[in-house]
């Protein structure tokens, strides 16, 4: 049992003391070509806090569509109110819009 444990430990642990391998000889110095010049730093013509559009929309398309639909809905509501007021005027009644109808 002891020899089995010693064999397993020998596989996973480094050798002790005088049994270690000698250090490899140092490598000869290698001559390297000189390092290339670093690329010049390109500064941005615009400050970092300025957003340039450059042809890109600054508003999401779904927001634009929602605003367009809201404006169209408001235009149709106002047209309905004008028509209702005109019909009631022919009957001799004044039209006063109800607040909850105006909020719709």
N, C-alpha and C. Protein backbone atom coordinates (compact mmCIF):
# COMPACT_ATOMS: atom_id res chain seq x y z
N UNK A 1 0.82 -1.19 0.00
CA UNK A 1 0.00 0.00 0.00
C UNK A 1 0.87 1.26 0.00
N UNK A 2 1.94 1.20 0.76
CA UNK A 2 2.82 2.36 0.82
C UNK A 2 3.49 2.61 -0.51
N UNK A 3 3.83 1.61 -1.24
CA UNK A 3 4.48 1.82 -2.52
C UNK A 3 3.51 2.36 -3.56
N UNK A 4 2.24 1.99 -3.46
CA UNK A 4 1.24 2.53 -4.38
C UNK A 4 1.04 4.02 -4.12
N UNK A 5 0.95 4.40 -2.84
CA UNK A 5 0.80 5.81 -2.49
C UNK A 5 2.04 6.59 -2.91
N UNK A 6 3.20 6.02 -2.74
CA UNK A 6 4.44 6.70 -3.13
C UNK A 6 4.51 6.87 -4.64
N UNK A 7 4.01 5.90 -5.40
CA UNK A 7 4.03 6.01 -6.85
C UNK A 7 3.08 7.11 -7.33
N UNK A 8 1.90 7.20 -6.70
CA UNK A 8 0.94 8.24 -7.08
C UNK A 8 1.49 9.61 -6.73
N UNK A 9 2.08 9.75 -5.54
CA UNK A 9 2.65 11.03 -5.16
C UNK A 9 3.82 11.42 -6.05
N UNK A 10 4.59 10.46 -6.48
CA UNK A 10 5.72 10.75 -7.35
C UNK A 10 5.25 11.28 -8.70
N UNK A 11 4.05 10.85 -9.13
CA UNK A 11 3.53 11.34 -10.40
C UNK A 11 3.11 12.81 -10.31
N UNK A 12 2.53 13.19 -9.16
CA UNK A 12 1.94 14.53 -9.06
C UNK A 12 2.79 15.56 -8.33
N UNK A 13 3.77 15.12 -7.56
CA UNK A 13 4.61 16.06 -6.82
C UNK A 13 5.98 16.15 -7.46
N UNK A 14 6.63 17.32 -7.35
CA UNK A 14 7.98 17.43 -7.92
C UNK A 14 8.98 16.62 -7.09
N UNK A 15 10.10 16.31 -7.67
CA UNK A 15 11.15 15.56 -6.97
C UNK A 15 11.73 16.42 -5.86
N UNK A 16 12.31 15.77 -4.86
CA UNK A 16 12.85 16.50 -3.72
C UNK A 16 14.36 16.60 -3.81
N UNK A 17 14.88 17.70 -3.32
CA UNK A 17 16.30 17.90 -3.08
C UNK A 17 17.23 17.60 -4.23
N UNK A 18 18.15 16.66 -4.03
CA UNK A 18 19.22 16.37 -4.99
C UNK A 18 18.71 15.69 -6.25
N UNK A 19 17.49 15.21 -6.23
CA UNK A 19 16.97 14.50 -7.40
C UNK A 19 16.42 15.44 -8.47
N UNK A 20 16.38 16.73 -8.15
CA UNK A 20 15.86 17.68 -9.14
C UNK A 20 16.81 17.78 -10.32
N UNK A 21 16.25 18.06 -11.48
CA UNK A 21 17.06 18.20 -12.68
C UNK A 21 17.85 19.51 -12.60
N UNK A 22 19.01 19.50 -13.25
CA UNK A 22 19.85 20.68 -13.26
C UNK A 22 19.19 21.76 -14.12
N UNK A 23 19.47 23.02 -13.83
CA UNK A 23 18.89 24.12 -14.59
C UNK A 23 19.42 24.09 -16.02
N UNK A 24 18.58 24.36 -17.00
CA UNK A 24 19.06 24.35 -18.38
C UNK A 24 20.04 25.50 -18.60
N UNK A 25 20.94 25.34 -19.54
CA UNK A 25 21.90 26.42 -19.79
C UNK A 25 21.17 27.65 -20.32
N UNK A 26 21.67 28.85 -20.00
CA UNK A 26 20.98 30.06 -20.46
C UNK A 26 21.01 30.14 -21.99
N UNK A 27 19.96 30.71 -22.53
CA UNK A 27 19.85 30.85 -23.98
C UNK A 27 20.79 31.96 -24.46
N UNK A 28 21.33 31.81 -25.66
CA UNK A 28 22.20 32.87 -26.17
C UNK A 28 21.36 34.13 -26.45
N UNK A 29 21.96 35.30 -26.32
CA UNK A 29 21.19 36.53 -26.58
C UNK A 29 20.75 36.59 -28.04
N UNK A 30 19.54 37.03 -28.24
CA UNK A 30 18.97 37.12 -29.59
C UNK A 30 18.94 38.60 -29.98
N UNK A 31 19.47 38.88 -31.15
CA UNK A 31 19.43 40.27 -31.60
C UNK A 31 18.10 40.51 -32.32
N UNK A 32 17.39 41.52 -31.87
CA UNK A 32 16.08 41.87 -32.43
C UNK A 32 16.21 43.13 -33.26
N UNK A 33 15.45 43.22 -34.33
CA UNK A 33 15.46 44.48 -35.07
C UNK A 33 14.85 45.58 -34.21
N UNK A 34 15.18 46.83 -34.49
CA UNK A 34 14.63 47.91 -33.67
C UNK A 34 13.10 47.96 -33.79
N UNK A 35 12.49 48.37 -32.72
CA UNK A 35 11.02 48.44 -32.70
C UNK A 35 10.55 49.53 -33.66
N UNK A 36 9.44 49.29 -34.36
CA UNK A 36 8.94 50.32 -35.28
C UNK A 36 8.43 51.53 -34.50
N UNK A 37 8.39 52.65 -35.20
CA UNK A 37 7.89 53.88 -34.59
C UNK A 37 6.42 53.70 -34.24
N UNK A 38 5.97 54.17 -33.09
CA UNK A 38 4.54 54.05 -32.77
C UNK A 38 3.72 54.94 -33.70
N UNK A 39 2.53 54.48 -33.99
CA UNK A 39 1.64 55.24 -34.87
C UNK A 39 1.27 56.56 -34.20
N UNK A 40 1.15 57.63 -34.98
CA UNK A 40 0.77 58.90 -34.37
C UNK A 40 -0.65 58.82 -33.81
N UNK A 41 -0.85 59.50 -32.71
CA UNK A 41 -2.17 59.51 -32.08
C UNK A 41 -3.05 60.48 -32.85
N UNK A 42 -4.20 59.96 -33.30
CA UNK A 42 -5.14 60.77 -34.06
C UNK A 42 -6.16 61.33 -33.08
N UNK A 43 -6.20 62.63 -32.99
CA UNK A 43 -7.17 63.25 -32.09
C UNK A 43 -8.48 63.45 -32.84
N UNK A 44 -9.56 63.24 -32.12
CA UNK A 44 -10.89 63.40 -32.70
C UNK A 44 -11.18 64.88 -32.90
N UNK A 45 -11.68 65.28 -34.07
CA UNK A 45 -11.97 66.70 -34.28
C UNK A 45 -13.14 67.19 -33.45
N UNK A 46 -13.97 66.26 -32.93
CA UNK A 46 -15.12 66.64 -32.12
C UNK A 46 -14.86 66.25 -30.68
N UNK A 47 -15.28 67.03 -29.72
CA UNK A 47 -15.15 66.63 -28.33
C UNK A 47 -15.98 65.38 -28.06
N UNK A 48 -15.63 64.67 -27.01
CA UNK A 48 -16.30 63.40 -26.71
C UNK A 48 -17.74 63.60 -26.29
N UNK A 49 -18.09 64.78 -25.75
CA UNK A 49 -19.45 64.96 -25.28
C UNK A 49 -20.40 65.48 -26.35
N UNK A 50 -19.94 65.65 -27.58
CA UNK A 50 -20.79 66.12 -28.67
C UNK A 50 -21.16 64.92 -29.54
N UNK A 51 -22.44 64.74 -29.76
CA UNK A 51 -22.91 63.64 -30.61
C UNK A 51 -23.18 64.21 -31.99
N UNK A 52 -22.53 63.65 -32.99
CA UNK A 52 -22.78 64.11 -34.35
C UNK A 52 -23.75 63.15 -35.02
N UNK A 53 -24.71 63.70 -35.74
CA UNK A 53 -25.73 62.87 -36.37
C UNK A 53 -25.19 62.19 -37.61
N UNK A 54 -24.55 62.92 -38.48
CA UNK A 54 -23.98 62.37 -39.71
C UNK A 54 -24.98 61.51 -40.47
N UNK A 55 -26.18 62.00 -40.59
CA UNK A 55 -27.18 61.29 -41.38
C UNK A 55 -27.92 60.22 -40.62
N UNK A 56 -27.61 60.01 -39.36
CA UNK A 56 -28.31 58.99 -38.59
C UNK A 56 -29.41 59.65 -37.77
N UNK A 57 -30.58 59.03 -37.69
CA UNK A 57 -31.66 59.63 -36.91
C UNK A 57 -31.33 59.62 -35.42
N UNK A 58 -31.65 60.70 -34.73
CA UNK A 58 -31.40 60.77 -33.30
C UNK A 58 -32.59 60.29 -32.49
N UNK A 59 -33.72 60.02 -33.16
CA UNK A 59 -34.92 59.55 -32.48
C UNK A 59 -35.26 58.18 -33.05
N UNK A 60 -35.68 57.29 -32.20
CA UNK A 60 -36.06 55.95 -32.64
C UNK A 60 -37.29 56.00 -33.53
N UNK A 61 -37.35 55.15 -34.54
CA UNK A 61 -38.48 55.20 -35.48
C UNK A 61 -39.82 54.93 -34.81
N UNK A 62 -39.85 54.07 -33.78
CA UNK A 62 -41.14 53.78 -33.15
C UNK A 62 -41.65 54.99 -32.38
N UNK A 63 -40.75 55.86 -31.89
CA UNK A 63 -41.19 57.08 -31.22
C UNK A 63 -41.80 58.04 -32.23
N UNK A 64 -41.17 58.14 -33.39
CA UNK A 64 -41.69 59.02 -34.44
C UNK A 64 -43.06 58.53 -34.89
N UNK A 65 -43.20 57.22 -35.06
CA UNK A 65 -44.48 56.66 -35.49
C UNK A 65 -45.56 56.90 -34.43
N UNK A 66 -45.20 56.73 -33.16
CA UNK A 66 -46.17 56.96 -32.09
C UNK A 66 -46.62 58.42 -32.07
N UNK A 67 -45.68 59.36 -32.23
CA UNK A 67 -46.05 60.78 -32.27
C UNK A 67 -46.93 61.09 -33.47
N UNK A 68 -46.63 60.48 -34.61
CA UNK A 68 -47.44 60.71 -35.81
C UNK A 68 -48.86 60.21 -35.60
N UNK A 69 -49.00 59.00 -35.01
CA UNK A 69 -50.33 58.46 -34.75
C UNK A 69 -51.08 59.31 -33.74
N UNK A 70 -50.39 59.81 -32.71
CA UNK A 70 -51.03 60.65 -31.70
C UNK A 70 -51.53 61.96 -32.33
N UNK A 71 -50.70 62.56 -33.18
CA UNK A 71 -51.12 63.80 -33.83
C UNK A 71 -52.31 63.57 -34.75
N UNK A 72 -52.30 62.44 -35.46
CA UNK A 72 -53.42 62.12 -36.36
C UNK A 72 -54.69 61.89 -35.54
N UNK A 73 -54.57 61.20 -34.41
CA UNK A 73 -55.71 60.96 -33.54
C UNK A 73 -56.27 62.28 -33.00
N UNK A 74 -55.38 63.19 -32.59
CA UNK A 74 -55.83 64.50 -32.10
C UNK A 74 -56.52 65.30 -33.21
N UNK A 75 -55.96 65.23 -34.42
CA UNK A 75 -56.57 65.97 -35.53
C UNK A 75 -57.97 65.45 -35.82
N UNK A 76 -58.13 64.10 -35.81
CA UNK A 76 -59.45 63.53 -36.05
C UNK A 76 -60.43 63.87 -34.93
N UNK A 77 -59.97 63.88 -33.68
CA UNK A 77 -60.83 64.22 -32.55
C UNK A 77 -61.32 65.67 -32.64
N UNK A 78 -60.40 66.58 -32.99
CA UNK A 78 -60.81 67.98 -33.13
C UNK A 78 -61.79 68.17 -34.28
N UNK A 79 -61.59 67.42 -35.38
CA UNK A 79 -62.52 67.50 -36.50
C UNK A 79 -63.91 67.00 -36.09
N UNK A 80 -63.97 65.91 -35.30
CA UNK A 80 -65.25 65.40 -34.81
C UNK A 80 -65.94 66.43 -33.92
N UNK A 81 -65.15 67.09 -33.06
CA UNK A 81 -65.74 68.10 -32.18
C UNK A 81 -66.30 69.28 -32.99
N UNK A 82 -65.59 69.69 -34.03
CA UNK A 82 -66.08 70.80 -34.87
C UNK A 82 -67.38 70.40 -35.58
N UNK A 83 -67.42 69.18 -36.09
CA UNK A 83 -68.63 68.72 -36.77
C UNK A 83 -69.80 68.62 -35.80
N UNK A 84 -69.53 68.08 -34.60
CA UNK A 84 -70.58 67.96 -33.60
C UNK A 84 -71.11 69.34 -33.21
N UNK A 85 -70.18 70.30 -33.04
CA UNK A 85 -70.60 71.67 -32.69
C UNK A 85 -71.43 72.28 -33.81
N UNK A 86 -71.05 72.00 -35.08
CA UNK A 86 -71.81 72.55 -36.22
C UNK A 86 -73.22 71.95 -36.27
N UNK A 87 -73.32 70.64 -36.04
CA UNK A 87 -74.65 70.00 -36.07
C UNK A 87 -75.52 70.52 -34.94
N UNK A 88 -74.94 70.64 -33.74
CA UNK A 88 -75.72 71.14 -32.61
C UNK A 88 -76.09 72.61 -32.79
N UNK A 89 -75.23 73.38 -33.48
CA UNK A 89 -75.55 74.79 -33.73
C UNK A 89 -76.75 74.92 -34.65
N UNK A 90 -76.91 73.99 -35.61
CA UNK A 90 -78.09 74.04 -36.49
C UNK A 90 -79.36 73.73 -35.72
N UNK A 91 -79.22 73.02 -34.59
CA UNK A 91 -80.38 72.71 -33.75
C UNK A 91 -80.59 73.76 -32.67
N UNK A 92 -79.70 74.76 -32.62
CA UNK A 92 -79.83 75.85 -31.65
C UNK A 92 -79.23 75.54 -30.29
N UNK A 93 -78.32 74.58 -30.23
CA UNK A 93 -77.70 74.23 -28.94
C UNK A 93 -76.23 74.59 -28.97
N UNK A 94 -75.74 74.98 -27.81
CA UNK A 94 -74.30 75.23 -27.69
C UNK A 94 -73.59 73.92 -27.38
N UNK A 95 -72.39 73.80 -27.94
CA UNK A 95 -71.60 72.58 -27.68
C UNK A 95 -70.46 72.94 -26.73
N UNK A 96 -70.41 72.26 -25.59
CA UNK A 96 -69.32 72.42 -24.64
C UNK A 96 -68.66 71.04 -24.51
N UNK A 97 -67.38 70.92 -24.90
CA UNK A 97 -66.76 69.60 -24.81
C UNK A 97 -66.66 69.11 -23.37
N UNK A 98 -66.91 67.84 -23.18
CA UNK A 98 -66.83 67.22 -21.85
C UNK A 98 -65.34 66.95 -21.57
N UNK A 99 -64.87 67.22 -20.34
CA UNK A 99 -63.44 67.08 -20.07
C UNK A 99 -62.89 65.67 -20.36
N UNK A 100 -63.65 64.61 -20.09
CA UNK A 100 -63.11 63.27 -20.34
C UNK A 100 -63.07 62.94 -21.82
N UNK A 101 -63.86 63.63 -22.65
CA UNK A 101 -63.78 63.44 -24.08
C UNK A 101 -62.53 64.15 -24.63
N UNK A 102 -62.17 65.28 -24.02
CA UNK A 102 -61.01 66.03 -24.49
C UNK A 102 -59.71 65.31 -24.14
N UNK A 103 -59.73 64.50 -23.09
CA UNK A 103 -58.51 63.82 -22.66
C UNK A 103 -58.24 62.55 -23.47
N UNK A 104 -59.22 62.10 -24.23
CA UNK A 104 -59.05 60.84 -24.97
C UNK A 104 -58.13 60.99 -26.13
